[in-house]
């Protein structure tokens, strides 16, 4: 379900994130786009906000009903310099990659693929569920690991925390005294929140910046109403944040230490320079062994030259 990032999302040049000092509630309207047959709300990256911690991409898919069995698949495509984090609210998918992984994912489970220097994957729809509601996230890898070996992990169960007014499922990082088993290369956190009225108060880390992505219903942060289709950036320096819910709601909390490195995002790549991206695109087009091959029934995805080529 991942990508592609275009110059509509971020400029075609490396730059830093738009950091904000202190607590804020800043709404950024997402962009409606298409990934394969899927209409998605892309809430990250945005201009000028490229990252929240190391989180650099968030596509909210659905809920959408397929017109036919197998309608939700995305064919083989490459990645580098990032981790993909796949989270389902409803439906099911099968992950296939050039490492030989084949893994079905269902709601409440986590797939995390580390691209490193290069990997390819596909998401196939087994055709047993008519509805898909999902989130595809990317995490930018730091310099220390972005050229390392690729990897894949599946977590069938994750830590859960009962809060006053919400249930929290910890995807990545640490939250409320719990630690996720999922790999992370930077200090960042991802939590799914299922809220009930009147809402809850989240414990946060002051050194993190945070953002909310509402998946179902609506929430109020102070005087600001947050609904699906926007990124609600909460800034830094918070020890807690009160979320008001007048009806049941579901959201993602994303956070982390502000990413210190300048990144360039284009198509399915996270890099530092245009030269790196151009070379990766040429290698994928030439079926170079860098990205390997995916044993998928879906068509391999290609892309034309980048804006600077």
Protein backbone atom coordinates (compact mmCIF):
# COMPACT_ATOMS: atom_id res chain seq x y z
CA UNK A 1 0.00 0.00 0.00
CA UNK A 2 3.00 2.29 0.16
CA UNK A 3 3.83 5.42 -1.79
CA UNK A 4 4.54 6.91 -4.12
CA UNK A 5 5.68 10.31 -2.85
CA UNK A 6 5.67 13.06 -5.49
CA UNK A 7 6.68 16.71 -5.65
CA UNK A 8 3.06 17.52 -4.74
CA UNK A 9 3.89 16.18 -1.27
CA UNK A 10 7.43 17.56 -0.78
CA UNK A 11 9.87 19.68 -2.78
CA UNK A 12 12.31 17.80 -5.01
CA UNK A 13 15.29 18.78 -2.86
CA UNK A 14 16.60 17.75 0.55
CA UNK A 15 15.44 19.87 3.45
CA UNK A 16 14.78 19.70 7.16
CA UNK A 17 11.47 19.37 8.97
CA UNK A 18 9.48 22.43 9.96
CA UNK A 19 10.09 22.27 13.69
CA UNK A 20 7.92 24.09 16.21
CA UNK A 21 9.13 24.87 19.72
CA UNK A 22 6.56 24.26 22.45
CA UNK A 23 3.03 22.89 22.56
CA UNK A 24 0.70 23.81 19.67
CA UNK A 25 -2.31 22.38 17.88
CA UNK A 26 -1.57 22.88 14.20
CA UNK A 27 -3.85 21.27 11.59
CA UNK A 28 -2.40 20.29 8.20
CA UNK A 29 -4.90 19.20 5.55
CA UNK A 30 -3.98 15.92 3.89
CA UNK A 31 -4.00 15.31 0.15
CA UNK A 32 -6.37 12.92 -1.62
CA UNK A 33 -4.41 10.67 -3.95
CA UNK A 34 -4.49 7.22 -5.52
CA UNK A 35 -2.29 4.20 -4.79
CA UNK A 36 -3.08 1.50 -7.32
CA UNK A 37 -6.86 1.06 -7.11
CA UNK A 38 -7.03 2.60 -3.64
CA UNK A 39 -8.10 6.17 -2.84
CA UNK A 40 -6.07 7.39 0.14
CA UNK A 41 -5.73 10.42 2.40
CA UNK A 42 -2.04 11.35 2.55
CA UNK A 43 -1.50 13.34 5.75
CA UNK A 44 2.31 13.07 5.85
CA UNK A 45 4.53 14.36 4.29
CA UNK A 46 3.15 17.85 3.79
CA UNK A 47 4.57 21.20 2.83
CA UNK A 48 6.35 22.33 4.91
CA UNK A 49 6.12 19.48 7.46
CA UNK A 50 8.00 16.43 6.22
CA UNK A 51 8.47 14.51 9.45
CA UNK A 52 7.13 13.96 12.97
CA UNK A 53 10.09 12.46 14.76
CA UNK A 54 11.34 9.90 12.24
CA UNK A 55 7.83 9.31 10.86
CA UNK A 56 7.90 10.64 7.29
CA UNK A 57 4.84 9.17 5.57
CA UNK A 58 1.25 8.34 6.51
CA UNK A 59 -1.43 7.14 4.09
CA UNK A 60 -4.90 6.53 5.52
CA UNK A 61 -6.78 4.05 3.33
CA UNK A 62 -10.55 3.63 3.54
CA UNK A 63 -12.69 2.25 4.81
CA UNK A 64 -13.25 1.21 1.20
CA UNK A 65 -15.25 -1.66 -0.28
CA UNK A 66 -13.70 -3.51 -3.22
CA UNK A 67 -15.65 -4.01 -6.42
CA UNK A 68 -14.11 -7.46 -6.90
CA UNK A 69 -12.07 -10.06 -5.00
CA UNK A 70 -8.41 -9.12 -4.80
CA UNK A 71 -9.06 -5.44 -5.57
CA UNK A 72 -6.67 -4.03 -2.97
CA UNK A 73 -3.30 -5.42 -4.07
CA UNK A 74 -0.20 -3.32 -4.83
CA UNK A 75 2.40 -4.87 -7.14
CA UNK A 76 6.15 -5.23 -6.50
CA UNK A 77 7.98 -1.95 -5.94
CA UNK A 78 11.29 -0.93 -4.30
CA UNK A 79 12.20 0.91 -1.11
CA UNK A 80 15.41 2.25 0.42
CA UNK A 81 16.32 4.21 3.53
CA UNK A 82 13.05 3.62 5.38
CA UNK A 83 10.89 1.22 7.34
CA UNK A 84 7.31 0.45 6.27
CA UNK A 85 4.80 0.00 9.10
CA UNK A 86 1.50 -1.59 8.07
CA UNK A 87 -1.54 -1.40 10.37
CA UNK A 88 -5.05 -2.67 9.58
CA UNK A 89 -8.33 -1.60 11.17
CA UNK A 90 -10.32 -3.99 8.97
CA UNK A 91 -9.59 -6.37 6.09
CA UNK A 92 -6.51 -8.48 5.41
CA UNK A 93 -3.42 -8.38 3.19
CA UNK A 94 -0.52 -10.70 2.34
CA UNK A 95 2.97 -9.20 2.44
CA UNK A 96 5.55 -10.59 -0.01
CA UNK A 97 9.11 -9.33 -0.34
CA UNK A 98 12.45 -9.99 -2.02
CA UNK A 99 13.78 -11.54 1.20
CA UNK A 100 11.37 -14.42 0.65
CA UNK A 101 8.89 -13.32 3.31
CA UNK A 102 5.22 -14.24 2.87
CA UNK A 103 3.04 -13.06 5.74
CA UNK A 104 -0.67 -12.45 6.11
CA UNK A 105 -1.62 -9.50 8.28
CA UNK A 106 -4.94 -8.95 10.04
CA UNK A 107 -6.31 -6.17 12.26
CA UNK A 108 -4.34 -5.71 15.47
CA UNK A 109 -1.15 -7.17 13.98
CA UNK A 110 1.97 -5.34 12.82
CA UNK A 111 4.15 -5.80 9.74
CA UNK A 112 7.43 -3.87 9.81
CA UNK A 113 9.85 -4.04 6.89
CA UNK A 114 13.27 -2.40 7.06
CA UNK A 115 14.51 -1.39 3.62
CA UNK A 116 18.07 -0.33 4.42
CA UNK A 117 20.11 -0.26 1.20
CA UNK A 118 17.31 -1.81 -0.79
CA UNK A 119 14.36 -4.20 -0.78
CA UNK A 120 11.22 -4.80 -2.84
CA UNK A 121 7.79 -5.90 -1.71
CA UNK A 122 4.16 -6.34 -2.74
CA UNK A 123 0.86 -6.40 -0.88
CA UNK A 124 -1.64 -8.93 -2.21
CA UNK A 125 -5.33 -9.06 -1.37
CA UNK A 126 -6.38 -12.65 -0.57
CA UNK A 127 -9.92 -11.72 -1.58
CA UNK A 128 -11.69 -12.94 1.55
CA UNK A 129 -12.73 -9.51 2.87
CA UNK A 130 -14.78 -6.94 0.98
CA UNK A 131 -13.61 -3.97 3.09
CA UNK A 132 -10.19 -2.50 3.75
CA UNK A 133 -9.37 0.14 6.35
CA UNK A 134 -5.65 0.55 6.88
CA UNK A 135 -2.72 2.85 7.54
CA UNK A 136 0.64 2.68 5.79
CA UNK A 137 3.47 4.50 7.56
CA UNK A 138 7.12 5.07 6.77
CA UNK A 139 9.93 5.74 9.23
CA UNK A 140 13.06 7.45 7.93
CA UNK A 141 16.19 5.50 8.81
CA UNK A 142 19.12 7.49 10.22
CA UNK A 143 22.54 7.61 8.61
CA UNK A 144 23.79 4.82 10.88
CA UNK A 145 21.37 2.21 9.46
CA UNK A 146 19.94 3.50 6.18
CA UNK A 147 22.53 1.64 4.06
CA UNK A 148 22.34 -1.53 6.11
CA UNK A 149 20.77 -4.91 5.38
CA UNK A 150 17.01 -5.18 4.83
CA UNK A 151 14.76 -7.14 7.16
CA UNK A 152 11.15 -8.06 7.87
CA UNK A 153 9.25 -8.80 11.08
CA UNK A 154 5.65 -9.66 11.93
CA UNK A 155 4.14 -9.16 15.38
CA UNK A 156 0.88 -11.04 15.93
CA UNK A 157 0.44 -9.56 19.40
CA UNK A 158 1.45 -6.16 20.75
CA UNK A 159 1.43 -4.51 24.18
CA UNK A 160 -1.92 -3.02 25.20
CA UNK A 161 -2.57 -0.43 27.88
CA UNK A 162 -5.91 0.47 29.41
CA UNK A 163 -6.18 4.20 30.00
CA UNK A 164 -9.01 6.10 31.62
CA UNK A 165 -11.29 6.48 28.59
CA UNK A 166 -9.20 4.64 25.98
CA UNK A 167 -7.38 1.46 25.04
CA UNK A 168 -3.89 1.96 23.64
CA UNK A 169 -2.06 -0.53 21.42
CA UNK A 170 1.67 0.12 21.16
CA UNK A 171 2.95 -0.38 17.61
CA UNK A 172 6.49 0.93 17.99
CA UNK A 173 8.54 2.46 20.80
CA UNK A 174 7.64 2.93 24.46
CA UNK A 175 4.47 4.37 25.95
CA UNK A 176 2.92 4.31 29.42
CA UNK A 177 5.65 2.04 30.79
CA UNK A 178 5.30 -0.54 28.00
CA UNK A 179 7.78 -1.29 25.21
CA UNK A 180 6.94 -2.65 21.75
CA UNK A 181 8.96 -5.63 20.45
CA UNK A 182 9.18 -3.97 17.01
CA UNK A 183 12.53 -2.71 15.77
CA UNK A 184 13.23 1.01 15.85
CA UNK A 185 16.39 2.80 14.74
CA UNK A 186 15.54 6.16 16.36
CA UNK A 187 13.64 7.38 19.41
CA UNK A 188 10.06 7.37 18.12
CA UNK A 189 6.65 6.00 19.10
CA UNK A 190 3.43 4.91 17.39
CA UNK A 191 0.23 4.11 19.30
CA UNK A 192 -3.30 3.25 18.19
CA UNK A 193 -5.94 4.75 20.48
CA UNK A 194 -9.52 3.46 20.68
CA UNK A 195 -11.38 6.12 22.66
CA UNK A 196 -14.73 6.25 24.40
CA UNK A 197 -16.51 9.28 25.88
CA UNK A 198 -15.55 11.53 27.52
CA UNK A 199 -11.97 10.89 26.31
CA UNK A 200 -8.58 10.41 27.88
CA UNK A 201 -5.35 12.09 28.93
CA UNK A 202 -2.23 10.79 27.20
CA UNK A 203 1.14 10.57 28.96
CA UNK A 204 3.78 12.05 26.66
CA UNK A 205 7.54 12.61 26.55
CA UNK A 206 8.65 16.24 26.68
CA UNK A 207 11.59 15.65 24.31
CA UNK A 208 9.29 14.27 21.59
CA UNK A 209 7.23 16.12 19.04
CA UNK A 210 3.80 14.52 18.55
CA UNK A 211 0.95 14.41 16.07
CA UNK A 212 -2.51 12.83 15.88
CA UNK A 213 -4.15 11.14 12.90
CA UNK A 214 -7.85 10.43 13.45
CA UNK A 215 -9.04 7.26 11.71
CA UNK A 216 -12.66 7.13 12.89
CA UNK A 217 -14.92 9.70 14.53
CA UNK A 218 -13.56 13.00 15.82
CA UNK A 219 -11.56 14.32 18.76
CA UNK A 220 -11.14 17.68 20.40
CA UNK A 221 -7.75 18.95 21.57
CA UNK A 222 -8.41 22.13 23.50
CA UNK A 223 -10.64 24.21 21.22
CA UNK A 224 -9.61 22.36 18.04
CA UNK A 225 -11.68 19.59 16.47
CA UNK A 226 -9.62 16.89 14.73
CA UNK A 227 -11.24 14.65 12.11
CA UNK A 228 -9.97 12.18 9.49
CA UNK A 229 -7.96 13.69 6.65
CA UNK A 230 -5.73 16.03 8.65
CA UNK A 231 -2.49 15.84 10.59
CA UNK A 232 -2.88 17.46 14.00
CA UNK A 233 0.65 18.50 14.98
CA UNK A 234 1.01 18.95 18.75
CA UNK A 235 4.54 20.37 18.93
CA UNK A 236 7.05 19.55 21.67
CA UNK A 237 7.42 19.96 25.42
CA UNK A 238 4.18 18.21 26.46
CA UNK A 239 4.06 15.87 29.43
CA UNK A 240 0.42 15.05 28.72
CA UNK A 241 -2.38 15.85 26.28
CA UNK A 242 -6.12 15.74 26.91
CA UNK A 243 -8.25 14.27 24.10
CA UNK A 244 -12.01 14.85 24.34
CA UNK A 245 -14.31 12.33 22.64
CA UNK A 246 -18.07 12.88 22.50
CA UNK A 247 -18.55 9.54 20.71
CA UNK A 248 -16.33 6.49 20.13
CA UNK A 249 -13.27 7.35 18.05
CA UNK A 250 -10.03 5.82 16.81
CA UNK A 251 -6.72 7.61 16.22
CA UNK A 252 -2.98 7.16 15.83
CA UNK A 253 -0.50 8.98 18.04
CA UNK A 254 2.84 9.49 16.28
CA UNK A 255 5.87 11.01 17.96
CA UNK A 256 9.60 11.08 18.36
CA UNK A 257 12.71 13.13 18.84
CA UNK A 258 12.76 15.64 15.94
CA UNK A 259 14.65 13.98 13.09
CA UNK A 260 18.02 15.78 12.84
CA UNK A 261 18.94 14.85 9.27
CA UNK A 262 17.90 16.45 6.00
CA UNK A 263 15.96 13.97 3.86
CA UNK A 264 14.87 13.74 0.25
CA UNK A 265 11.71 11.75 -0.44
CA UNK A 266 10.66 10.81 -3.97
CA UNK A 267 8.62 7.88 -5.30
CA UNK A 268 9.29 5.01 -2.86
CA UNK A 269 12.71 6.19 -1.70
CA UNK A 270 13.99 8.11 1.31
CA UNK A 271 17.47 9.46 0.60
CA UNK A 272 19.73 12.44 1.14
CA UNK A 273 20.66 13.46 -2.41
CA UNK A 274 19.07 13.46 -5.86
CA UNK A 275 21.98 11.34 -7.12
CA UNK A 276 21.07 8.54 -4.71
CA UNK A 277 17.46 8.55 -5.88
CA UNK A 278 18.36 8.66 -9.58
CA UNK A 279 20.72 5.70 -9.21
CA UNK A 280 18.14 3.68 -7.28
CA UNK A 281 15.48 4.36 -9.92
CA UNK A 282 17.83 3.29 -12.71
CA UNK A 283 18.71 0.10 -10.86
CA UNK A 284 15.06 -0.79 -10.29
CA UNK A 285 14.24 -0.13 -13.95
CA UNK A 286 17.14 -2.38 -15.00
CA UNK A 287 16.03 -5.16 -12.59
CA UNK A 288 19.36 -4.83 -10.78
CA UNK A 289 19.96 -7.34 -7.98
CA UNK A 290 20.08 -4.49 -5.44
CA UNK A 291 16.32 -4.75 -4.82
CA UNK A 292 15.90 -8.44 -5.57
CA UNK A 293 12.77 -10.06 -6.95
CA UNK A 294 9.32 -10.59 -5.42
CA UNK A 295 7.35 -13.75 -6.22
CA UNK A 296 4.01 -12.03 -6.73
CA UNK A 297 1.15 -12.54 -9.16
CA UNK A 298 0.83 -8.76 -9.49
CA UNK A 299 2.56 -6.63 -12.10
CA UNK A 300 5.89 -5.02 -11.23
CA UNK A 301 5.47 -1.24 -10.78
CA UNK A 302 7.64 1.10 -12.84
CA UNK A 303 8.23 4.84 -12.74
CA UNK A 304 9.56 7.42 -15.19
CA UNK A 305 12.47 9.80 -14.62
CA UNK A 306 12.49 12.06 -11.58
CA UNK A 307 11.90 15.83 -11.99
CA UNK A 308 15.65 16.55 -11.96
CA UNK A 309 16.65 13.87 -14.51
